[in-house]
């Protein structure tokens, strides 16, 4: 997966969040974003990374999203690694 593919996947997650009436308010509260931010910042890689970070906070959310899209459960993590701030930290 490259950055462009990761951005497309994150946009898909964002669309899934927007369509989820229960989870969207949780996302907005957790990120401090509002509906205008969703439209304006959807093209920003760092914002898309935060969308993936939010999804990955709960395994059940990852499973719901991936099951709905027919994707392996590691897909959001792989996408996150391709966006700014998503590289694995190596302490050695």
PDB file of N, CA and C in Angstrom:
ATOM      1  N   UNK A   1       0.851  -1.175   0.000  1.00  0.00           N
ATOM      2  CA  UNK A   1       0.000   0.000   0.000  1.00  0.00           C
ATOM      3  C   UNK A   1       0.898   1.239   0.000  1.00  0.00           C
ATOM      4  N   UNK A   2       0.529   2.221  -0.815  1.00  0.00           N
ATOM      5  CA  UNK A   2       1.273   3.475  -0.830  1.00  0.00           C
ATOM      6  C   UNK A   2       0.411   4.580  -0.204  1.00  0.00           C
ATOM      7  N   UNK A   3       0.946   5.801  -0.143  1.00  0.00           N
ATOM      8  CA  UNK A   3       0.240   6.883   0.533  1.00  0.00           C
ATOM      9  C   UNK A   3      -1.099   7.189  -0.141  1.00  0.00           C
ATOM     10  N   UNK A   4      -1.139   7.188  -1.443  1.00  0.00           N
ATOM     11  CA  UNK A   4      -2.389   7.480  -2.160  1.00  0.00           C
ATOM     12  C   UNK A   4      -3.460   6.440  -1.819  1.00  0.00           C
ATOM     13  N   UNK A   5      -3.086   5.170  -1.846  1.00  0.00           N
ATOM     14  CA  UNK A   5      -4.030   4.113  -1.497  1.00  0.00           C
ATOM     15  C   UNK A   5      -4.478   4.240  -0.043  1.00  0.00           C
ATOM     16  N   UNK A   6      -3.555   4.618   0.831  1.00  0.00           N
ATOM     17  CA  UNK A   6      -3.880   4.809   2.247  1.00  0.00           C
ATOM     18  C   UNK A   6      -4.858   5.961   2.425  1.00  0.00           C
ATOM     19  N   UNK A   7      -4.669   7.027   1.670  1.00  0.00           N
ATOM     20  CA  UNK A   7      -5.590   8.159   1.752  1.00  0.00           C
ATOM     21  C   UNK A   7      -6.985   7.757   1.276  1.00  0.00           C
ATOM     22  N   UNK A   8      -7.047   6.979   0.222  1.00  0.00           N
ATOM     23  CA  UNK A   8      -8.334   6.498  -0.283  1.00  0.00           C
ATOM     24  C   UNK A   8      -9.015   5.614   0.762  1.00  0.00           C
ATOM     25  N   UNK A   9      -8.240   4.748   1.397  1.00  0.00           N
ATOM     26  CA  UNK A   9      -8.810   3.878   2.437  1.00  0.00           C
ATOM     27  C   UNK A   9      -9.299   4.720   3.610  1.00  0.00           C
ATOM     28  N   UNK A  10      -8.538   5.724   4.016  1.00  0.00           N
ATOM     29  CA  UNK A  10      -8.949   6.577   5.129  1.00  0.00           C
ATOM     30  C   UNK A  10     -10.208   7.368   4.783  1.00  0.00           C
ATOM     31  N   UNK A  11     -10.332   7.798   3.542  1.00  0.00           N
ATOM     32  CA  UNK A  11     -11.561   8.469   3.112  1.00  0.00           C
ATOM     33  C   UNK A  11     -12.755   7.522   3.190  1.00  0.00           C
ATOM     34  N   UNK A  12     -12.517   6.269   2.882  1.00  0.00           N
ATOM     35  CA  UNK A  12     -13.567   5.263   3.008  1.00  0.00           C
ATOM     36  C   UNK A  12     -13.984   5.102   4.471  1.00  0.00           C
ATOM     37  N   UNK A  13     -13.005   5.095   5.366  1.00  0.00           N
ATOM     38  CA  UNK A  13     -13.307   5.016   6.802  1.00  0.00           C
ATOM     39  C   UNK A  13     -14.085   6.257   7.232  1.00  0.00           C
ATOM     40  N   UNK A  14     -13.683   7.427   6.746  1.00  0.00           N
ATOM     41  CA  UNK A  14     -14.387   8.656   7.086  1.00  0.00           C
ATOM     42  C   UNK A  14     -15.839   8.596   6.616  1.00  0.00           C
ATOM     43  N   UNK A  15     -16.063   8.112   5.415  1.00  0.00           N
ATOM     44  CA  UNK A  15     -17.434   7.969   4.910  1.00  0.00           C
ATOM     45  C   UNK A  15     -18.225   6.998   5.786  1.00  0.00           C
ATOM     46  N   UNK A  16     -17.576   5.928   6.214  1.00  0.00           N
ATOM     47  CA  UNK A  16     -18.225   4.959   7.102  1.00  0.00           C
ATOM     48  C   UNK A  16     -18.596   5.619   8.429  1.00  0.00           C
ATOM     49  N   UNK A  17     -17.684   6.419   8.969  1.00  0.00           N
ATOM     50  CA  UNK A  17     -17.960   7.118  10.226  1.00  0.00           C
ATOM     51  C   UNK A  17     -19.129   8.092  10.075  1.00  0.00           C
ATOM     52  N   UNK A  18     -19.145   8.836   8.990  1.00  0.00           N
ATOM     53  CA  UNK A  18     -20.199   9.818   8.768  1.00  0.00           C
ATOM     54  C   UNK A  18     -21.567   9.134   8.667  1.00  0.00           C
ATOM     55  N   UNK A  19     -21.586   7.933   8.114  1.00  0.00           N
ATOM     56  CA  UNK A  19     -22.853   7.214   7.971  1.00  0.00           C
ATOM     57  C   UNK A  19     -23.276   6.492   9.249  1.00  0.00           C
ATOM     58  N   UNK A  20     -22.407   6.470  10.251  1.00  0.00           N
ATOM     59  CA  UNK A  20     -22.690   5.771  11.505  1.00  0.00           C
ATOM     60  C   UNK A  20     -23.199   6.783  12.541  1.00  0.00           C
ATOM     61  N   UNK A  21     -24.504   6.813  12.749  1.00  0.00           N
ATOM     62  CA  UNK A  21     -25.117   7.812  13.623  1.00  0.00           C
ATOM     63  C   UNK A  21     -24.652   7.720  15.075  1.00  0.00           C
ATOM     64  N   UNK A  22     -24.268   6.534  15.513  1.00  0.00           N
ATOM     65  CA  UNK A  22     -23.799   6.374  16.892  1.00  0.00           C
ATOM     66  C   UNK A  22     -22.341   6.779  17.043  1.00  0.00           C
ATOM     67  N   UNK A  23     -21.530   6.429  16.073  1.00  0.00           N
ATOM     68  CA  UNK A  23     -20.091   6.619  16.199  1.00  0.00           C
ATOM     69  C   UNK A  23     -19.624   8.008  15.767  1.00  0.00           C
ATOM     70  N   UNK A  24     -20.314   8.648  14.837  1.00  0.00           N
ATOM     71  CA  UNK A  24     -19.876   9.966  14.369  1.00  0.00           C
ATOM     72  C   UNK A  24     -19.759  10.975  15.506  1.00  0.00           C
ATOM     73  N   UNK A  25     -20.743  11.086  16.406  1.00  0.00           N
ATOM     74  CA  UNK A  25     -20.582  12.046  17.504  1.00  0.00           C
ATOM     75  C   UNK A  25     -19.393  11.719  18.412  1.00  0.00           C
ATOM     76  N   UNK A  26     -19.094  10.438  18.574  1.00  0.00           N
ATOM     77  CA  UNK A  26     -17.939  10.034  19.382  1.00  0.00           C
ATOM     78  C   UNK A  26     -16.660  10.514  18.700  1.00  0.00           C
ATOM     79  N   UNK A  27     -16.582  10.331  17.384  1.00  0.00           N
ATOM     80  CA  UNK A  27     -15.422  10.790  16.622  1.00  0.00           C
ATOM     81  C   UNK A  27     -15.274  12.307  16.725  1.00  0.00           C
ATOM     82  N   UNK A  28     -16.368  13.024  16.534  1.00  0.00           N
ATOM     83  CA  UNK A  28     -16.309  14.483  16.592  1.00  0.00           C
ATOM     84  C   UNK A  28     -15.874  14.959  17.972  1.00  0.00           C
ATOM     85  N   UNK A  29     -16.402  14.352  19.016  1.00  0.00           N
ATOM     86  CA  UNK A  29     -16.010  14.727  20.377  1.00  0.00           C
ATOM     87  C   UNK A  29     -14.558  14.377  20.668  1.00  0.00           C
ATOM     88  N   UNK A  30     -14.115  13.226  20.201  1.00  0.00           N
ATOM     89  CA  UNK A  30     -12.749  12.782  20.481  1.00  0.00           C
ATOM     90  C   UNK A  30     -11.712  13.631  19.754  1.00  0.00           C
ATOM     91  N   UNK A  31     -12.053  14.097  18.566  1.00  0.00           N
ATOM     92  CA  UNK A  31     -11.083  14.843  17.765  1.00  0.00           C
ATOM     93  C   UNK A  31     -11.239  16.349  17.883  1.00  0.00           C
ATOM     94  N   UNK A  32     -12.379  16.796  18.364  1.00  0.00           N
ATOM     95  CA  UNK A  32     -12.639  18.223  18.412  1.00  0.00           C
ATOM     96  C   UNK A  32     -13.037  18.787  17.057  1.00  0.00           C
ATOM     97  N   UNK A  33     -13.228  17.908  16.089  1.00  0.00           N
ATOM     98  CA  UNK A  33     -13.621  18.342  14.747  1.00  0.00           C
ATOM     99  C   UNK A  33     -15.123  18.612  14.721  1.00  0.00           C
ATOM    100  N   UNK A  34     -15.534  19.374  13.727  1.00  0.00           N
ATOM    101  CA  UNK A  34     -16.956  19.546  13.479  1.00  0.00           C
ATOM    102  C   UNK A  34     -17.222  19.144  12.025  1.00  0.00           C
ATOM    103  N   UNK A  35     -18.465  19.251  11.604  1.00  0.00           N
ATOM    104  CA  UNK A  35     -18.812  18.788  10.256  1.00  0.00           C
ATOM    105  C   UNK A  35     -18.103  19.585   9.168  1.00  0.00           C
ATOM    106  N   UNK A  36     -17.832  20.854   9.422  1.00  0.00           N
ATOM    107  CA  UNK A  36     -17.080  21.659   8.458  1.00  0.00           C
ATOM    108  C   UNK A  36     -15.661  21.121   8.325  1.00  0.00           C
ATOM    109  N   UNK A  37     -15.054  20.773   9.447  1.00  0.00           N
ATOM    110  CA  UNK A  37     -13.705  20.199   9.412  1.00  0.00           C
ATOM    111  C   UNK A  37     -13.665  18.928   8.568  1.00  0.00           C
ATOM    112  N   UNK A  38     -14.711  18.130   8.658  1.00  0.00           N
ATOM    113  CA  UNK A  38     -14.739  16.884   7.880  1.00  0.00           C
ATOM    114  C   UNK A  38     -14.631  17.175   6.396  1.00  0.00           C
ATOM    115  N   UNK A  39     -15.330  18.196   5.946  1.00  0.00           N
ATOM    116  CA  UNK A  39     -15.285  18.545   4.519  1.00  0.00           C
ATOM    117  C   UNK A  39     -13.967  19.215   4.147  1.00  0.00           C
ATOM    118  N   UNK A  40     -13.532  20.158   4.970  1.00  0.00           N
ATOM    119  CA  UNK A  40     -12.346  20.952   4.645  1.00  0.00           C
ATOM    120  C   UNK A  40     -11.061  20.140   4.775  1.00  0.00           C
ATOM    121  N   UNK A  41     -10.978  19.326   5.817  1.00  0.00           N
ATOM    122  CA  UNK A  41      -9.722  18.640   6.114  1.00  0.00           C
ATOM    123  C   UNK A  41      -9.630  17.244   5.522  1.00  0.00           C
ATOM    124  N   UNK A  42     -10.651  16.792   4.827  1.00  0.00           N
ATOM    125  CA  UNK A  42     -10.654  15.433   4.269  1.00  0.00           C
ATOM    126  C   UNK A  42      -9.529  15.206   3.260  1.00  0.00           C
ATOM    127  N   UNK A  43      -8.962  16.269   2.737  1.00  0.00           N
ATOM    128  CA  UNK A  43      -7.866  16.138   1.773  1.00  0.00           C
ATOM    129  C   UNK A  43      -6.489  16.174   2.437  1.00  0.00           C
ATOM    130  N   UNK A  44      -6.449  16.330   3.756  1.00  0.00           N
ATOM    131  CA  UNK A  44      -5.179  16.437   4.473  1.00  0.00           C
ATOM    132  C   UNK A  44      -4.750  15.076   5.022  1.00  0.00           C
ATOM    133  N   UNK A  45      -3.544  14.680   4.681  1.00  0.00           N
ATOM    134  CA  UNK A  45      -3.039  13.373   5.108  1.00  0.00           C
ATOM    135  C   UNK A  45      -3.007  13.220   6.617  1.00  0.00           C
ATOM    136  N   UNK A  46      -2.645  14.279   7.342  1.00  0.00           N
ATOM    137  CA  UNK A  46      -2.578  14.157   8.795  1.00  0.00           C
ATOM    138  C   UNK A  46      -3.968  13.970   9.408  1.00  0.00           C
ATOM    139  N   UNK A  47      -4.976  14.632   8.853  1.00  0.00           N
ATOM    140  CA  UNK A  47      -6.340  14.433   9.338  1.00  0.00           C
ATOM    141  C   UNK A  47      -6.809  13.014   9.032  1.00  0.00           C
ATOM    142  N   UNK A  48      -6.500  12.543   7.839  1.00  0.00           N
ATOM    143  CA  UNK A  48      -6.884  11.171   7.485  1.00  0.00           C
ATOM    144  C   UNK A  48      -6.208  10.161   8.403  1.00  0.00           C
ATOM    145  N   UNK A  49      -4.984  10.470   8.813  1.00  0.00           N
ATOM    146  CA  UNK A  49      -4.308   9.605   9.790  1.00  0.00           C
ATOM    147  C   UNK A  49      -5.071   9.567  11.102  1.00  0.00           C
ATOM    148  N   UNK A  50      -5.615  10.722  11.513  1.00  0.00           N
ATOM    149  CA  UNK A  50      -6.372  10.755  12.762  1.00  0.00           C
ATOM    150  C   UNK A  50      -7.672   9.968  12.638  1.00  0.00           C
ATOM    151  N   UNK A  51      -8.231   9.915  11.446  1.00  0.00           N
ATOM    152  CA  UNK A  51      -9.433   9.102  11.213  1.00  0.00           C
ATOM    153  C   UNK A  51      -9.099   7.628  11.444  1.00  0.00           C
ATOM    154  N   UNK A  52      -7.988   7.200  10.891  1.00  0.00           N
ATOM    155  CA  UNK A  52      -7.570   5.804  11.079  1.00  0.00           C
ATOM    156  C   UNK A  52      -7.188   5.532  12.529  1.00  0.00           C
ATOM    157  N   UNK A  53      -6.517   6.482  13.169  1.00  0.00           N
ATOM    158  CA  UNK A  53      -6.175   6.328  14.590  1.00  0.00           C
ATOM    159  C   UNK A  53      -7.437   6.123  15.418  1.00  0.00           C
ATOM    160  N   UNK A  54      -8.455   6.913  15.139  1.00  0.00           N
ATOM    161  CA  UNK A  54      -9.710   6.796  15.878  1.00  0.00           C
ATOM    162  C   UNK A  54     -10.329   5.418  15.671  1.00  0.00           C
ATOM    163  N   UNK A  55     -10.417   4.995  14.423  1.00  0.00           N
ATOM    164  CA  UNK A  55     -11.006   3.678  14.129  1.00  0.00           C
ATOM    165  C   UNK A  55     -10.293   2.580  14.896  1.00  0.00           C
ATOM    166  N   UNK A  56      -8.968   2.662  14.942  1.00  0.00           N
ATOM    167  CA  UNK A  56      -8.185   1.593  15.555  1.00  0.00           C
ATOM    168  C   UNK A  56      -8.182   1.635  17.080  1.00  0.00           C
ATOM    169  N   UNK A  57      -8.893   2.593  17.671  1.00  0.00           N
ATOM    170  CA  UNK A  57      -8.999   2.630  19.127  1.00  0.00           C
ATOM    171  C   UNK A  57      -9.849   1.478  19.663  1.00  0.00           C
ATOM    172  N   UNK A  58     -10.657   0.880  18.824  1.00  0.00           N
ATOM    173  CA  UNK A  58     -11.553  -0.174  19.278  1.00  0.00           C
ATOM    174  C   UNK A  58     -11.585  -1.298  18.241  1.00  0.00           C
ATOM    175  N   UNK A  59     -11.211  -2.483  18.667  1.00  0.00           N
ATOM    176  CA  UNK A  59     -11.200  -3.627  17.747  1.00  0.00           C
ATOM    177  C   UNK A  59     -12.564  -3.866  17.121  1.00  0.00           C
ATOM    178  N   UNK A  60     -13.627  -3.634  17.877  1.00  0.00           N
ATOM    179  CA  UNK A  60     -14.977  -3.852  17.338  1.00  0.00           C
ATOM    180  C   UNK A  60     -15.249  -2.912  16.168  1.00  0.00           C
ATOM    181  N   UNK A  61     -14.765  -1.672  16.246  1.00  0.00           N
ATOM    182  CA  UNK A  61     -14.959  -0.724  15.147  1.00  0.00           C
ATOM    183  C   UNK A  61     -14.195  -1.189  13.912  1.00  0.00           C
ATOM    184  N   UNK A  62     -12.960  -1.634  14.128  1.00  0.00           N
ATOM    185  CA  UNK A  62     -12.153  -2.137  13.016  1.00  0.00           C
ATOM    186  C   UNK A  62     -12.873  -3.308  12.350  1.00  0.00           C
ATOM    187  N   UNK A  63     -13.368  -4.205  13.160  1.00  0.00           N
ATOM    188  CA  UNK A  63     -14.049  -5.386  12.631  1.00  0.00           C
ATOM    189  C   UNK A  63     -15.322  -4.995  11.877  1.00  0.00           C
ATOM    190  N   UNK A  64     -16.097  -4.067  12.420  1.00  0.00           N
ATOM    191  CA  UNK A  64     -17.316  -3.627  11.738  1.00  0.00           C
ATOM    192  C   UNK A  64     -16.992  -3.005  10.386  1.00  0.00           C
ATOM    193  N   UNK A  65     -16.001  -2.120  10.385  1.00  0.00           N
ATOM    194  CA  UNK A  65     -15.627  -1.471   9.134  1.00  0.00           C
ATOM    195  C   UNK A  65     -15.118  -2.494   8.128  1.00  0.00           C
ATOM    196  N   UNK A  66     -14.166  -3.300   8.535  1.00  0.00           N
ATOM    197  CA  UNK A  66     -13.545  -4.257   7.612  1.00  0.00           C
ATOM    198  C   UNK A  66     -14.542  -5.309   7.128  1.00  0.00           C
ATOM    199  N   UNK A  67     -15.405  -5.777   8.015  1.00  0.00           N
ATOM    200  CA  UNK A  67     -16.417  -6.748   7.598  1.00  0.00           C
ATOM    201  C   UNK A  67     -17.346  -6.134   6.558  1.00  0.00           C
ATOM    202  N   UNK A  68     -17.723  -4.883   6.756  1.00  0.00           N
ATOM    203  CA  UNK A  68     -18.591  -4.197   5.807  1.00  0.00           C
ATOM    204  C   UNK A  68     -17.950  -3.978   4.446  1.00  0.00           C
ATOM    205  N   UNK A  69     -16.630  -3.828   4.442  1.00  0.00           N
ATOM    206  CA  UNK A  69     -15.896  -3.583   3.196  1.00  0.00           C
ATOM    207  C   UNK A  69     -15.284  -4.857   2.605  1.00  0.00           C
ATOM    208  N   UNK A  70     -15.371  -5.966   3.350  1.00  0.00           N
ATOM    209  CA  UNK A  70     -14.769  -7.219   2.889  1.00  0.00           C
ATOM    210  C   UNK A  70     -13.251  -7.173   2.887  1.00  0.00           C
ATOM    211  N   UNK A  71     -12.684  -6.523   3.910  1.00  0.00           N
ATOM    212  CA  UNK A  71     -11.231  -6.331   3.991  1.00  0.00           C
ATOM    213  C   UNK A  71     -10.643  -7.112   5.155  1.00  0.00           C
ATOM    214  N   UNK A  72      -9.368  -7.472   5.054  1.00  0.00           N
ATOM    215  CA  UNK A  72      -8.683  -8.059   6.212  1.00  0.00           C
ATOM    216  C   UNK A  72      -8.590  -7.030   7.336  1.00  0.00           C
ATOM    217  N   UNK A  73      -8.607  -7.503   8.568  1.00  0.00           N
ATOM    218  CA  UNK A  73      -8.618  -6.601   9.726  1.00  0.00           C
ATOM    219  C   UNK A  73      -7.363  -5.750   9.855  1.00  0.00           C
ATOM    220  N   UNK A  74      -6.277  -6.142   9.243  1.00  0.00           N
ATOM    221  CA  UNK A  74      -5.051  -5.344   9.348  1.00  0.00           C
ATOM    222  C   UNK A  74      -4.999  -4.192   8.338  1.00  0.00           C
ATOM    223  N   UNK A  75      -5.989  -4.070   7.479  1.00  0.00           N
ATOM    224  CA  UNK A  75      -5.976  -3.034   6.447  1.00  0.00           C
ATOM    225  C   UNK A  75      -5.878  -1.621   7.021  1.00  0.00           C
ATOM    226  N   UNK A  76      -6.678  -1.245   8.031  1.00  0.00           N
ATOM    227  CA  UNK A  76      -6.525   0.115   8.561  1.00  0.00           C
ATOM    228  C   UNK A  76      -5.129   0.390   9.122  1.00  0.00           C
ATOM    229  N   UNK A  77      -4.545  -0.599   9.774  1.00  0.00           N
ATOM    230  CA  UNK A  77      -3.199  -0.421  10.317  1.00  0.00           C
ATOM    231  C   UNK A  77      -2.186  -0.236   9.182  1.00  0.00           C
ATOM    232  N   UNK A  78      -2.309  -1.023   8.138  1.00  0.00           N
ATOM    233  CA  UNK A  78      -1.397  -0.897   6.999  1.00  0.00           C
ATOM    234  C   UNK A  78      -1.544   0.480   6.349  1.00  0.00           C
ATOM    235  N   UNK A  79      -2.786   0.949   6.247  1.00  0.00           N
ATOM    236  CA  UNK A  79      -3.016   2.285   5.676  1.00  0.00           C
ATOM    237  C   UNK A  79      -2.406   3.353   6.575  1.00  0.00           C
ATOM    238  N   UNK A  80      -2.594   3.205   7.873  1.00  0.00           N
ATOM    239  CA  UNK A  80      -2.075   4.209   8.818  1.00  0.00           C
ATOM    240  C   UNK A  80      -0.565   4.327   8.727  1.00  0.00           C
ATOM    241  N   UNK A  81       0.106   3.217   8.522  1.00  0.00           N
ATOM    242  CA  UNK A  81       1.566   3.217   8.438  1.00  0.00           C
ATOM    243  C   UNK A  81       2.071   4.007   7.234  1.00  0.00           C
ATOM    244  N   UNK A  82       1.228   4.202   6.235  1.00  0.00           N
ATOM    245  CA  UNK A  82       1.636   4.915   5.024  1.00  0.00           C
ATOM    246  C   UNK A  82       1.371   6.409   5.070  1.00  0.00           C
ATOM    247  N   UNK A  83       0.709   6.862   6.134  1.00  0.00           N
ATOM    248  CA  UNK A  83       0.402   8.283   6.252  1.00  0.00           C
ATOM    249  C   UNK A  83       1.342   8.941   7.254  1.00  0.00           C
ATOM    250  N   UNK A  84       1.483  10.266   7.192  1.00  0.00           N
ATOM    251  CA  UNK A  84       2.394  10.964   8.098  1.00  0.00           C
ATOM    252  C   UNK A  84       2.117  10.624   9.566  1.00  0.00           C
ATOM    253  N   UNK A  85       3.185  10.304  10.287  1.00  0.00           N
ATOM    254  CA  UNK A  85       3.078   9.960  11.694  1.00  0.00           C
ATOM    255  C   UNK A  85       2.727   8.519  11.965  1.00  0.00           C
ATOM    256  N   UNK A  86       2.593   7.716  10.943  1.00  0.00           N
ATOM    257  CA  UNK A  86       2.145   6.345  11.132  1.00  0.00           C
ATOM    258  C   UNK A  86       3.237   5.290  11.117  1.00  0.00           C
ATOM    259  N   UNK A  87       4.469   5.707  10.898  1.00  0.00           N
ATOM    260  CA  UNK A  87       5.561   4.729  10.855  1.00  0.00           C
ATOM    261  C   UNK A  87       5.788   4.129  12.225  1.00  0.00           C
ATOM    262  N   UNK A  88       6.154   2.865  12.244  1.00  0.00           N
ATOM    263  CA  UNK A  88       6.489   2.221  13.511  1.00  0.00           C
ATOM    264  C   UNK A  88       7.686   2.922  14.138  1.00  0.00           C
ATOM    265  N   UNK A  89       7.607   3.130  15.427  1.00  0.00           N
ATOM    266  CA  UNK A  89       8.718   3.756  16.151  1.00  0.00           C
ATOM    267  C   UNK A  89       9.715   2.678  16.535  1.00  0.00           C
ATOM    268  N   UNK A  90      10.957   2.912  16.222  1.00  0.00           N
ATOM    269  CA  UNK A  90      12.012   1.983  16.607  1.00  0.00           C
ATOM    270  C   UNK A  90      12.876   2.649  17.677  1.00  0.00           C
ATOM    271  N   UNK A  91      12.937   2.031  18.836  1.00  0.00           N
ATOM    272  CA  UNK A  91      13.679   2.608  19.950  1.00  0.00           C
ATOM    273  C   UNK A  91      15.098   2.080  20.031  1.00  0.00           C
ATOM    274  N   UNK A  92      15.506   1.279  19.045  1.00  0.00           N
ATOM    275  CA  UNK A  92      16.866   0.738  19.083  1.00  0.00           C
ATOM    276  C   UNK A  92      17.770   1.424  18.119  1.00  0.00           C
TER     277      UNK A  92
END
